[in-house]
Amino acid sequence: MDNVDSWINSVIDNNLWYVSFVFLIGLGIYFTYKLRLAQLAKLPEAVHVTFEGKKVSKKNEAVTSFEAFCIGLGARVGVGNIAGVAAAIATGGPGAVFWMWIFAIIGAASALMECTLAQIFKEREKDNPDFFVGGPAFYIKNGLKNHRFAVFLAVLTVVTYGIGFVGQQAGNSADAFVNAFDFEYNDIVFGIILTAIAAAIFIGGIKRIAKASYYVVPAMAICWLVLCLILVLINWDQIGNAIVLIVGDAFDPADWVSTTDSLFGGALGMVILTGLRRGVFSNEAGIGSVPNIASTAKVKHPAKQGLIQSMGVLIDTLVVCSATAFVILTYADFDILIGEDFSKASLVQAVMGESFLDEAAKYIVSIFLVVFAFSSLIGYYSISENNVKFLTDNKKYTKALQILIIAVVFLSSIVPINLVYDLCDVFMACMGIFNMIAVAMLAKYAFIAFRDYFRQKEAGVAQPEFCSDTLKDVGLDTSGITVWDKGMAAAYNDDERPVVED
C-alpha cells in the first residue's frame, strides 16, 4: 500500500493538479472579472438572502434556501478544516494558508457560477414534483446536450464522494480517535459507532439530512470557532508572529524551509499548489459537488443560491480554516515537531496539547472531528444520491448506495489514511477539470441570470423572480430548462411574502 500511495502521489496526483490549477484558478479569475468581484461586493446581499424568509421546511415541502446552505456548508466544513489545514501547513509551510485565502476568494466566484447553473438547469423529481434535483450532470445534459459527458461526470461524482471523500472523512476521524483513546480494537469500535450514526441518517433521505444539517452545522462551526478564539486570545502575543509567518512564507518560503526542511516542503510553487489543493479540499469551490445540493433549494431566482453558496466558500476558508491555522501557528513548537511522525489529525491534537487543554486536547479534537466528519458525510451522501438518481430511476440503486457508503464508513476506519488522501486528491483534480470546462461553456447563462437578479433589485423589486424568457430573449437555447418556464415563477416562492416594490 505504501508503494501504491507513493506512485499515486508522485506520478498521477501532482501532474493532474498542474492541469487542474489552470482550470480552477484561470477560469476562477475570469469569472471574478466578469462578475466584478461579486463574491465580495455582493456579500451583504448574500447574507440577506441566506437568512430571509422561512428557515425550515415542513415535512412534505422542498428544501429551503437556508437548509441548502446548511447542507452545503456541512459538506464544506469537515475534517479538512482541522486535519486539512494541518496537512497544508505541514507540507507547504505557513504560506500555504495565505494561498488558501486567495484561492477561496477566487473560488467563491466559481461557486457562484456553478450553483447558479445548477438552479437554472435543475429538474423536478419524477416521483415528487415538489422536490428538485440538479448539479453538473444535469447542466451538462440539459445545457450542453451531451449525455455521455453527463453520465461520465455523474459516475465520477459518485465514486469521488460516495467512496473517496466519505472514506477520507471517516478515516481522519478514526485516526484522531485511535490517537486519543488507547484500547484494543479501538478502530473497530469507533468504526461501528460512526457507521451506526451514518446509517440512521442516510436511510432517512434528503429531508432528514436537511433537518440534521440545520441543527448540527451552525452549532458545530460556532463551537469550534469559540474554542479556537479562546486559545488564540490566551496566546495573543503570538498572533503577530503567526501573521508574519503566513504572509512572509507565502512569497519567500526559502528562509523558513532552510531551518525546517524535514517538516515543510520547499519552493514557492509547492506552497502555492498546496494552498490550492487543501483549500479546494476544504471549500470544494469549482469541483461540482455543492451544485448538487444547491439545486435542491426552492427559490424564486437561481442567482440566490449562487450568492448563498459563494458565501459558504468564504465562511469555510476565511473563517473556519483560519481559526485552525492561527491555533497551530500560535502554539506549535516546531523544534519539537520537526522529525516527529504526526498524521494530519494528531498534529492538531499535539499543538492544542501545548495549551491549557493539555491531555484533554486529544479527546476534544477527536470529538470535533467526529462531528465535522458527520456533517460532511451528510452532504456527501446527498451529492452521491443526487447523481445516482440521474443515472437511474430504479430505487434499488439508491438503497445500494446507502449500503455502499455505510460499508465505506466502516472500512475506512481501519485502512491507511494517507492512501485515502491521495486517491481523493486524484478524484478531486479530475472533478475540477471536467466541471470547470462545463461551467465555462455555459457561463453566459449564469452571467445573464446574475445580472437579471440585480437589475430587478435596482428597479425596487424586493424578491426578484426569474423566467427562462430572460435567456431566450438574448438568443440562448432554453429547450433544456424545464423549471423556469413563463408563469412558473409566481408559484415558485421560497417564502409566503408577496413581491414588494418600493
Protein backbone atom coordinates (compact mmCIF):
# COMPACT_ATOMS: atom_id res chain seq x y z
CA MET A 1 0.00 0.00 0.00
CA ASP A 2 2.90 2.33 0.72
CA ASN A 3 4.29 1.72 -2.79
CA VAL A 4 0.90 2.33 -4.37
CA ASP A 5 0.45 5.51 -2.33
CA SER A 6 3.89 6.80 -3.35
CA TRP A 7 3.22 6.12 -7.03
CA ILE A 8 -0.18 7.83 -6.95
CA ASN A 9 1.25 10.86 -5.17
CA SER A 10 4.36 11.33 -7.35
CA VAL A 11 3.20 10.23 -10.81
CA ILE A 12 -0.54 10.89 -11.06
CA ASP A 13 -1.60 13.26 -8.31
CA ASN A 14 0.89 16.09 -8.79
CA ASN A 15 0.65 16.08 -12.60
CA LEU A 16 -3.13 16.18 -12.53
CA TRP A 17 -3.10 19.13 -10.16
CA TYR A 18 -0.95 21.20 -12.50
CA VAL A 19 -3.71 20.82 -15.11
CA SER A 20 -6.47 21.35 -12.57
CA PHE A 21 -4.70 24.51 -11.34
CA VAL A 22 -5.06 26.06 -14.81
CA PHE A 23 -8.81 25.42 -14.94
CA LEU A 24 -9.71 26.21 -11.33
CA ILE A 25 -7.61 29.35 -10.97
CA GLY A 26 -7.60 30.57 -14.57
CA LEU A 27 -11.35 30.35 -15.02
CA GLY A 28 -11.94 31.49 -11.44
CA ILE A 29 -10.06 34.70 -12.17
CA TYR A 30 -12.06 35.15 -15.39
CA PHE A 31 -15.36 34.68 -13.55
CA THR A 32 -14.21 37.11 -10.86
CA TYR A 33 -13.50 39.72 -13.55
CA LYS A 34 -16.81 39.21 -15.39
CA LEU A 35 -18.80 39.31 -12.13
CA ARG A 36 -16.88 42.40 -10.98
CA LEU A 37 -15.75 40.73 -7.76
CA ALA A 38 -19.37 39.99 -6.86
CA GLN A 39 -18.35 37.35 -4.31
CA LEU A 40 -17.15 40.23 -2.10
CA ALA A 41 -19.03 43.23 -3.49
CA LYS A 42 -22.42 41.49 -3.17
CA LEU A 43 -21.65 39.76 0.14
CA PRO A 44 -24.26 41.83 2.08
CA GLU A 45 -26.94 40.64 -0.35
CA ALA A 46 -25.73 37.05 0.05
CA VAL A 47 -26.10 37.32 3.82
CA HIS A 48 -29.57 38.84 3.42
CA VAL A 49 -30.96 36.16 1.10
CA THR A 50 -29.49 33.37 3.22
CA PHE A 51 -31.39 34.28 6.36
CA GLU A 52 -34.58 35.82 4.97
CA GLY A 53 -37.98 34.15 4.97
CA LYS A 54 -38.77 30.66 6.14
CA LYS A 55 -35.80 28.82 7.66
CA VAL A 56 -37.13 25.25 7.95
CA SER A 57 -39.45 23.46 5.53
CA LYS A 58 -42.34 21.27 6.59
CA LYS A 59 -42.42 17.52 6.11
CA ASN A 60 -43.71 17.45 2.52
CA GLU A 61 -42.10 20.66 1.31
CA ALA A 62 -38.94 21.12 -0.76
CA VAL A 63 -35.64 22.11 0.79
CA THR A 64 -35.43 25.84 1.60
CA SER A 65 -32.54 28.15 0.72
CA PHE A 66 -31.28 28.12 4.29
CA GLU A 67 -31.43 24.33 4.53
CA ALA A 68 -29.50 24.01 1.25
CA PHE A 69 -26.97 26.48 2.64
CA CYS A 70 -26.58 24.37 5.79
CA ILE A 71 -26.16 21.12 3.84
CA GLY A 72 -23.65 22.80 1.51
CA LEU A 73 -21.74 24.33 4.41
CA GLY A 74 -21.82 20.98 6.17
CA ALA A 75 -20.20 19.35 3.12
CA ARG A 76 -17.52 22.05 3.14
CA VAL A 77 -16.97 22.26 6.89
CA GLY A 78 -15.45 18.85 7.58
CA VAL A 79 -12.21 17.36 8.77
CA GLY A 80 -10.48 19.44 6.11
CA ASN A 81 -11.00 22.43 8.40
CA ILE A 82 -8.93 20.71 11.08
CA ALA A 83 -6.77 17.93 9.61
CA GLY A 84 -6.68 19.53 6.16
CA VAL A 85 -5.29 22.80 7.50
CA ALA A 86 -2.66 20.88 9.45
CA ALA A 87 -1.75 19.00 6.27
CA ALA A 88 -1.43 22.28 4.36
CA ILE A 89 0.94 23.78 6.93
CA ALA A 90 2.90 20.55 7.35
CA THR A 91 3.53 20.12 3.60
CA GLY A 92 3.53 23.67 2.25
CA GLY A 93 4.55 25.75 5.26
CA PRO A 94 2.59 28.62 6.85
CA GLY A 95 2.48 30.39 3.46
CA ALA A 96 0.02 27.78 2.20
CA VAL A 97 -2.60 29.40 4.45
CA PHE A 98 -2.23 32.71 2.59
CA TRP A 99 -2.78 30.98 -0.75
CA MET A 100 -5.79 29.16 0.71
CA TRP A 101 -7.27 32.61 1.40
CA ILE A 102 -6.55 33.88 -2.13
CA PHE A 103 -7.95 30.79 -3.79
CA ALA A 104 -11.06 30.91 -1.59
CA ILE A 105 -11.85 34.40 -2.88
CA ILE A 106 -11.26 33.29 -6.47
CA GLY A 107 -13.15 30.03 -5.90
CA ALA A 108 -16.16 31.85 -4.48
CA ALA A 109 -16.78 33.26 -7.98
CA SER A 110 -16.65 29.74 -9.44
CA ALA A 111 -19.08 28.55 -6.76
CA LEU A 112 -21.46 31.37 -7.65
CA MET A 113 -21.36 30.33 -11.29
CA GLU A 114 -21.75 26.57 -10.84
CA CYS A 115 -24.55 26.84 -8.27
CA THR A 116 -26.48 29.35 -10.40
CA LEU A 117 -26.21 26.95 -13.36
CA ALA A 118 -27.37 24.08 -11.14
CA GLN A 119 -30.53 26.06 -10.34
CA ILE A 120 -31.17 27.06 -13.96
CA PHE A 121 -30.93 23.53 -15.36
CA LYS A 122 -32.37 21.56 -12.44
CA GLU A 123 -35.35 19.24 -12.84
CA ARG A 124 -38.34 18.24 -10.76
CA GLU A 125 -38.20 14.79 -9.24
CA LYS A 126 -40.36 12.37 -11.19
CA ASP A 127 -41.93 10.78 -8.13
CA ASN A 128 -42.36 14.04 -6.22
CA PRO A 129 -42.63 17.22 -8.33
CA ASP A 130 -42.32 19.39 -5.22
CA PHE A 131 -38.67 18.32 -4.90
CA PHE A 132 -35.78 19.11 -7.23
CA VAL A 133 -32.57 17.51 -8.48
CA GLY A 134 -29.65 19.07 -10.33
CA GLY A 135 -25.91 19.55 -10.50
CA PRO A 136 -23.10 19.24 -13.09
CA ALA A 137 -24.56 16.10 -14.70
CA PHE A 138 -27.87 17.91 -15.19
CA TYR A 139 -26.48 21.15 -16.58
CA ILE A 140 -24.24 19.18 -18.93
CA LYS A 141 -27.18 17.10 -20.15
CA ASN A 142 -29.72 19.94 -20.35
CA GLY A 143 -27.38 22.80 -21.22
CA LEU A 144 -24.63 21.24 -23.34
CA LYS A 145 -26.89 18.44 -24.63
CA ASN A 146 -24.05 15.95 -24.07
CA HIS A 147 -25.48 12.87 -22.38
CA ARG A 148 -22.29 10.79 -22.40
CA PHE A 149 -20.30 13.56 -20.75
CA ALA A 150 -23.07 13.94 -18.17
CA VAL A 151 -23.08 10.21 -17.38
CA PHE A 152 -19.29 10.19 -17.05
CA LEU A 153 -19.32 13.09 -14.57
CA ALA A 154 -22.21 11.56 -12.61
CA VAL A 155 -20.28 8.30 -12.18
CA LEU A 156 -17.11 10.20 -11.27
CA THR A 157 -19.06 12.19 -8.67
CA VAL A 158 -20.50 9.06 -7.05
CA VAL A 159 -17.05 7.46 -6.86
CA THR A 160 -15.40 10.65 -5.60
CA TYR A 161 -17.88 11.45 -2.86
CA GLY A 162 -19.66 8.18 -2.18
CA ILE A 163 -16.37 6.33 -1.74
CA GLY A 164 -13.34 8.63 -1.71
CA PHE A 165 -14.47 11.58 0.37
CA VAL A 166 -16.68 9.53 2.67
CA GLY A 167 -13.68 7.31 3.34
CA GLN A 168 -11.42 10.31 3.93
CA GLN A 169 -13.76 11.86 6.48
CA ALA A 170 -14.29 8.59 8.34
CA GLY A 171 -10.58 7.74 8.19
CA ASN A 172 -9.47 11.05 9.67
CA SER A 173 -11.97 10.72 12.49
CA ALA A 174 -10.78 7.20 13.23
CA ASP A 175 -7.17 8.40 13.19
CA ALA A 176 -7.87 11.01 15.85
CA PHE A 177 -9.97 8.59 17.87
CA VAL A 178 -7.25 5.92 17.90
CA ASN A 179 -4.70 8.52 19.00
CA ALA A 180 -6.91 9.73 21.85
CA PHE A 181 -8.44 6.52 23.16
CA ASP A 182 -5.92 3.72 23.51
CA PHE A 183 -7.53 0.32 23.93
CA GLU A 184 -7.63 -2.92 21.98
CA TYR A 185 -9.64 -2.85 18.75
CA ASN A 186 -10.41 0.84 19.26
CA ASP A 187 -10.56 1.46 15.48
CA ILE A 188 -13.20 -1.24 15.06
CA VAL A 189 -15.27 0.08 17.97
CA PHE A 190 -15.19 3.61 16.61
CA GLY A 191 -15.98 2.36 13.10
CA ILE A 192 -19.09 0.61 14.39
CA ILE A 193 -20.25 3.74 16.25
CA LEU A 194 -19.77 6.08 13.27
CA THR A 195 -21.34 3.54 10.93
CA ALA A 196 -24.44 3.27 13.12
CA ILE A 197 -24.87 7.05 13.18
CA ALA A 198 -24.38 7.30 9.42
CA ALA A 199 -26.94 4.56 8.77
CA ALA A 200 -29.57 6.27 10.92
CA ILE A 201 -29.23 9.48 8.90
CA PHE A 202 -28.70 8.21 5.34
CA ILE A 203 -31.65 5.86 5.30
CA GLY A 204 -33.91 8.80 6.19
CA GLY A 205 -33.36 10.55 2.84
CA ILE A 206 -32.83 14.21 1.88
CA LYS A 207 -35.43 15.69 4.24
CA ARG A 208 -33.91 14.06 7.32
CA ILE A 209 -30.50 15.12 6.02
CA ALA A 210 -31.71 18.72 5.73
CA LYS A 211 -33.10 18.69 9.27
CA ALA A 212 -29.92 17.22 10.71
CA SER A 213 -27.78 19.79 8.90
CA TYR A 214 -29.99 22.65 10.07
CA TYR A 215 -29.26 21.85 13.71
CA VAL A 216 -25.78 20.34 13.57
CA VAL A 217 -23.80 22.55 11.18
CA PRO A 218 -24.20 26.02 12.77
CA ALA A 219 -23.65 24.70 16.30
CA MET A 220 -20.63 22.68 15.23
CA ALA A 221 -18.91 25.56 13.44
CA ILE A 222 -19.64 28.07 16.22
CA CYS A 223 -18.28 25.79 18.95
CA TRP A 224 -15.05 25.21 17.04
CA LEU A 225 -14.63 28.93 16.36
CA VAL A 226 -15.20 29.78 20.02
CA LEU A 227 -12.63 27.20 21.16
CA CYS A 228 -10.06 28.48 18.65
CA LEU A 229 -10.74 32.11 19.59
CA ILE A 230 -10.20 31.36 23.29
CA LEU A 231 -6.92 29.56 22.59
CA VAL A 232 -5.60 32.31 20.31
CA LEU A 233 -6.59 35.12 22.69
CA ILE A 234 -4.83 33.37 25.57
CA ASN A 235 -1.70 33.28 23.44
CA TRP A 236 -2.41 36.69 21.88
CA ASP A 237 1.23 37.82 21.92
CA GLN A 238 1.98 35.24 19.19
CA ILE A 239 -0.72 36.48 16.76
CA GLY A 240 1.62 38.98 15.11
CA ASN A 241 4.24 36.31 14.63
CA ALA A 242 1.66 33.99 13.06
CA ILE A 243 0.64 36.68 10.56
CA VAL A 244 4.29 37.34 9.69
CA LEU A 245 4.84 33.62 9.11
CA ILE A 246 1.77 33.30 6.87
CA VAL A 247 2.46 36.35 4.71
CA GLY A 248 6.25 36.05 4.63
CA ASP A 249 6.30 32.35 3.81
CA ALA A 250 3.68 32.86 1.11
CA PHE A 251 6.17 34.69 -1.11
CA ASP A 252 9.55 33.62 0.22
CA PRO A 253 9.45 30.15 1.75
CA ALA A 254 13.20 29.61 1.38
CA ASP A 255 14.20 31.13 4.75
CA TRP A 256 11.56 29.12 6.58
CA VAL A 257 12.28 25.88 4.77
CA SER A 258 16.03 26.15 5.29
CA THR A 259 15.54 25.70 9.04
CA THR A 260 12.57 23.32 8.98
CA ASP A 261 13.24 21.26 5.88
CA SER A 262 12.18 17.95 7.41
CA LEU A 263 8.73 19.26 8.25
CA PHE A 264 7.88 21.65 5.42
CA GLY A 265 8.11 21.42 1.67
CA GLY A 266 10.19 23.89 -0.33
CA ALA A 267 9.79 26.12 -3.36
CA LEU A 268 7.15 28.77 -3.89
CA GLY A 269 5.37 26.59 -6.44
CA MET A 270 4.85 23.84 -3.87
CA VAL A 271 3.48 26.34 -1.34
CA ILE A 272 1.01 27.73 -3.89
CA LEU A 273 -0.09 24.30 -5.13
CA THR A 274 -0.52 23.05 -1.55
CA GLY A 275 -2.68 26.08 -0.75
CA LEU A 276 -4.87 25.30 -3.76
CA ARG A 277 -5.21 21.58 -3.05
CA ARG A 278 -6.00 21.89 0.63
CA GLY A 279 -8.17 24.95 0.07
CA VAL A 280 -10.26 23.24 -2.60
CA PHE A 281 -10.41 20.10 -0.47
CA SER A 282 -11.95 22.17 2.31
CA ASN A 283 -14.27 24.60 0.46
CA GLU A 284 -14.89 22.45 -2.68
CA ALA A 285 -15.24 25.53 -4.91
CA GLY A 286 -15.38 24.73 -8.60
CA ILE A 287 -15.27 20.93 -8.41
CA GLY A 288 -19.00 20.41 -8.88
CA SER A 289 -20.03 18.98 -5.53
CA VAL A 290 -22.13 21.67 -3.84
CA PRO A 291 -24.17 22.47 -7.01
CA ASN A 292 -25.86 19.09 -6.42
CA ILE A 293 -27.05 20.45 -3.09
CA ALA A 294 -27.80 23.99 -4.26
CA SER A 295 -30.15 22.65 -6.94
CA THR A 296 -32.49 21.12 -4.35
CA ALA A 297 -33.46 24.52 -2.89
CA LYS A 298 -36.81 26.06 -3.74
CA VAL A 299 -36.11 29.68 -4.67
CA LYS A 300 -37.59 32.39 -6.86
CA HIS A 301 -34.34 33.16 -8.69
CA PRO A 302 -31.35 30.91 -9.47
CA ALA A 303 -28.85 33.66 -8.60
CA LYS A 304 -29.92 33.44 -4.95
CA GLN A 305 -28.32 30.04 -4.44
CA GLY A 306 -25.27 31.22 -6.36
CA LEU A 307 -24.81 34.09 -3.91
CA ILE A 308 -25.56 31.93 -0.88
CA GLN A 309 -23.13 29.13 -1.79
CA SER A 310 -20.34 31.56 -2.74
CA MET A 311 -20.63 32.94 0.80
CA GLY A 312 -20.27 29.39 2.09
CA VAL A 313 -16.84 29.16 0.43
CA LEU A 314 -15.68 32.32 2.19
CA ILE A 315 -17.01 31.20 5.58
CA ASP A 316 -15.36 27.81 5.28
CA THR A 317 -11.86 29.06 4.41
CA LEU A 318 -11.52 32.64 5.61
CA VAL A 319 -13.21 31.95 8.95
CA VAL A 320 -13.18 28.27 9.98
CA CYS A 321 -9.88 27.21 8.35
CA SER A 322 -8.19 30.42 9.52
CA ALA A 323 -9.21 29.70 13.10
CA THR A 324 -7.45 26.33 12.98
CA ALA A 325 -4.39 27.83 11.27
CA PHE A 326 -3.93 30.53 13.90
CA VAL A 327 -4.16 27.99 16.72
CA ILE A 328 -1.45 25.88 15.07
CA LEU A 329 0.83 28.84 14.34
CA THR A 330 0.47 30.46 17.77
CA TYR A 331 1.09 27.29 19.78
CA ALA A 332 3.27 24.96 17.72
CA ASP A 333 6.80 24.36 18.97
CA PHE A 334 8.35 23.50 15.63
CA ASP A 335 11.65 22.46 17.19
CA ILE A 336 9.75 19.60 18.81
CA LEU A 337 7.51 18.80 15.85
CA ILE A 338 10.33 18.50 13.29
CA GLY A 339 11.09 14.85 12.68
CA GLU A 340 8.10 13.56 14.63
CA ASP A 341 5.74 11.19 12.84
CA PHE A 342 2.49 13.14 13.10
CA SER A 343 -0.56 12.43 10.99
CA LYS A 344 -2.87 15.25 9.96
CA ALA A 345 -5.25 14.93 12.90
CA SER A 346 -2.65 14.08 15.53
CA LEU A 347 -0.67 17.19 14.60
CA VAL A 348 -3.62 19.36 15.67
CA GLN A 349 -4.02 17.31 18.82
CA ALA A 350 -0.32 17.76 19.66
CA VAL A 351 -0.41 21.51 19.05
CA MET A 352 -3.55 22.06 21.10
CA GLY A 353 -1.96 19.94 23.82
CA GLU A 354 0.57 22.76 24.26
CA SER A 355 -2.27 24.97 25.55
CA PHE A 356 -4.09 24.80 28.86
CA LEU A 357 -6.08 21.88 27.43
CA ASP A 358 -3.06 19.63 27.89
CA GLU A 359 -4.04 15.94 27.58
CA ALA A 360 -7.70 16.87 27.17
CA ALA A 361 -6.86 18.25 23.71
CA LYS A 362 -6.69 14.73 22.27
CA TYR A 363 -10.24 13.99 23.33
CA ILE A 364 -11.68 17.39 22.41
CA VAL A 365 -10.20 17.35 18.90
CA SER A 366 -11.42 13.78 18.43
CA ILE A 367 -14.97 14.79 19.30
CA PHE A 368 -14.89 17.76 16.93
CA LEU A 369 -13.52 15.59 14.14
CA VAL A 370 -16.34 13.11 14.63
CA VAL A 371 -18.97 15.85 14.39
CA PHE A 372 -17.20 17.55 11.46
CA ALA A 373 -16.96 14.24 9.62
CA PHE A 374 -20.61 13.56 10.39
CA SER A 375 -21.70 16.87 8.83
CA SER A 376 -19.62 16.21 5.71
CA LEU A 377 -20.95 12.67 5.38
CA ILE A 378 -24.45 14.15 5.29
CA GLY A 379 -23.51 16.40 2.39
CA TYR A 380 -21.56 13.71 0.55
CA TYR A 381 -24.44 11.27 0.73
CA SER A 382 -26.79 13.92 -0.65
CA ILE A 383 -24.38 14.58 -3.54
CA SER A 384 -23.98 10.87 -4.31
CA GLU A 385 -27.71 10.15 -4.12
CA ASN A 386 -28.42 13.03 -6.49
CA ASN A 387 -26.14 11.55 -9.15
CA VAL A 388 -27.46 8.03 -8.70
CA LYS A 389 -30.94 9.45 -9.39
CA PHE A 390 -29.53 11.00 -12.55
CA LEU A 391 -28.16 7.65 -13.72
CA THR A 392 -31.26 5.57 -12.95
CA ASP A 393 -34.82 5.84 -11.66
CA ASN A 394 -34.57 2.43 -10.02
CA LYS A 395 -34.78 2.99 -6.25
CA LYS A 396 -32.85 -0.22 -5.65
CA TYR A 397 -29.67 1.60 -6.66
CA THR A 398 -30.34 4.32 -4.11
CA LYS A 399 -30.60 1.63 -1.44
CA ALA A 400 -27.42 0.05 -2.79
CA LEU A 401 -25.68 3.42 -2.47
CA GLN A 402 -26.75 3.68 1.16
CA ILE A 403 -25.31 0.24 1.88
CA LEU A 404 -22.10 1.06 -0.01
CA ILE A 405 -21.49 4.31 1.88
CA ILE A 406 -22.24 2.71 5.24
CA ALA A 407 -19.71 -0.03 4.39
CA VAL A 408 -17.12 2.55 3.29
CA VAL A 409 -17.54 4.43 6.58
CA PHE A 410 -16.63 1.28 8.48
CA LEU A 411 -13.80 0.06 6.23
CA SER A 412 -12.16 3.49 6.13
CA SER A 413 -11.69 3.34 9.88
CA ILE A 414 -9.10 0.58 9.52
CA VAL A 415 -7.16 1.40 6.29
CA PRO A 416 -4.12 3.76 5.94
CA ILE A 417 -5.32 7.37 5.83
CA ASN A 418 -2.54 8.65 3.52
CA LEU A 419 -3.65 6.38 0.67
CA VAL A 420 -7.23 7.63 1.03
CA TYR A 421 -5.98 11.25 0.99
CA ASP A 422 -4.04 10.79 -2.25
CA LEU A 423 -6.87 8.96 -4.01
CA CYS A 424 -9.24 11.79 -3.03
CA ASP A 425 -6.79 14.34 -4.44
CA VAL A 426 -6.77 12.48 -7.78
CA PHE A 427 -10.56 12.34 -7.97
CA MET A 428 -10.86 15.97 -6.86
CA ALA A 429 -8.45 17.17 -9.57
CA CYS A 430 -10.46 15.31 -12.23
CA MET A 431 -13.71 16.80 -10.93
CA GLY A 432 -12.23 20.30 -11.07
CA ILE A 433 -11.04 19.91 -14.67
CA PHE A 434 -14.24 18.49 -16.16
CA ASN A 435 -16.68 20.58 -14.13
CA MET A 436 -14.94 23.87 -14.89
CA ILE A 437 -14.94 23.02 -18.61
CA ALA A 438 -18.73 22.64 -18.45
CA VAL A 439 -19.20 25.80 -16.38
CA ALA A 440 -17.08 27.82 -18.83
CA MET A 441 -19.13 26.57 -21.79
CA LEU A 442 -22.40 27.53 -20.06
CA ALA A 443 -21.09 30.70 -18.40
CA LYS A 444 -23.34 33.06 -20.38
CA TYR A 445 -26.46 31.56 -18.77
CA ALA A 446 -25.14 32.31 -15.28
CA PHE A 447 -23.92 35.80 -16.20
CA ILE A 448 -27.33 36.77 -17.59
CA ALA A 449 -29.20 35.32 -14.61
CA PHE A 450 -26.93 37.15 -12.20
CA ARG A 451 -27.39 40.48 -13.99
CA ASP A 452 -31.14 39.93 -14.20
CA TYR A 453 -31.33 39.45 -10.44
CA PHE A 454 -29.56 42.72 -9.64
CA ARG A 455 -31.35 44.59 -12.42
CA GLN A 456 -34.61 43.74 -10.63
CA LYS A 457 -33.13 44.71 -7.26
CA GLU A 458 -32.06 48.08 -8.65
CA ALA A 459 -35.60 48.57 -10.00
CA GLY A 460 -37.00 48.20 -6.49
CA VAL A 461 -38.14 44.56 -6.60
CA ALA A 462 -37.65 43.12 -3.13
CA GLN A 463 -37.99 39.49 -4.28
CA PRO A 464 -36.70 39.12 -7.87
CA GLU A 465 -38.27 36.33 -9.91
CA PHE A 466 -36.73 34.51 -12.85
CA CYS A 467 -38.20 33.29 -16.13
CA SER A 468 -36.43 31.36 -18.89
CA ASP A 469 -37.64 34.00 -21.39
CA THR A 470 -34.88 36.21 -19.99
CA LEU A 471 -32.38 33.82 -21.54
CA LYS A 472 -34.38 33.22 -24.71
CA ASP A 473 -34.58 36.95 -25.39
CA VAL A 474 -30.79 37.12 -25.82
CA GLY A 475 -30.69 34.14 -28.16
CA LEU A 476 -29.76 31.35 -25.75
CA ASP A 477 -31.16 27.83 -26.14
CA THR A 478 -33.71 27.25 -23.36
CA SER A 479 -35.02 23.87 -24.54
CA GLY A 480 -33.24 22.13 -21.66
CA ILE A 481 -34.74 24.40 -18.99
CA THR A 482 -37.86 22.79 -17.51
CA VAL A 483 -38.46 24.54 -14.18
CA TRP A 484 -38.31 28.23 -15.07
CA ASP A 485 -40.97 28.40 -17.77
CA LYS A 486 -43.05 31.54 -18.20
CA GLY A 487 -45.66 31.84 -15.46
CA MET A 488 -43.82 29.39 -13.21
CA ALA A 489 -42.12 31.97 -11.00
CA ALA A 490 -45.30 33.19 -9.31
CA ALA A 491 -45.93 29.72 -7.88
CA TYR A 492 -42.27 29.20 -7.03
CA ASN A 493 -41.79 31.23 -3.86
CA ASP A 494 -39.42 30.17 -1.11
CA ASP A 495 -41.44 32.10 1.48
CA GLU A 496 -45.02 33.33 1.88
CA ARG A 497 -44.37 37.04 1.37
CA PRO A 498 -45.56 38.72 -1.83
CA VAL A 499 -43.23 40.63 -4.12
CA VAL A 500 -42.91 44.16 -2.83
CA GLU A 501 -41.76 47.15 -4.82
CA ASP A 502 -40.58 50.46 -3.36
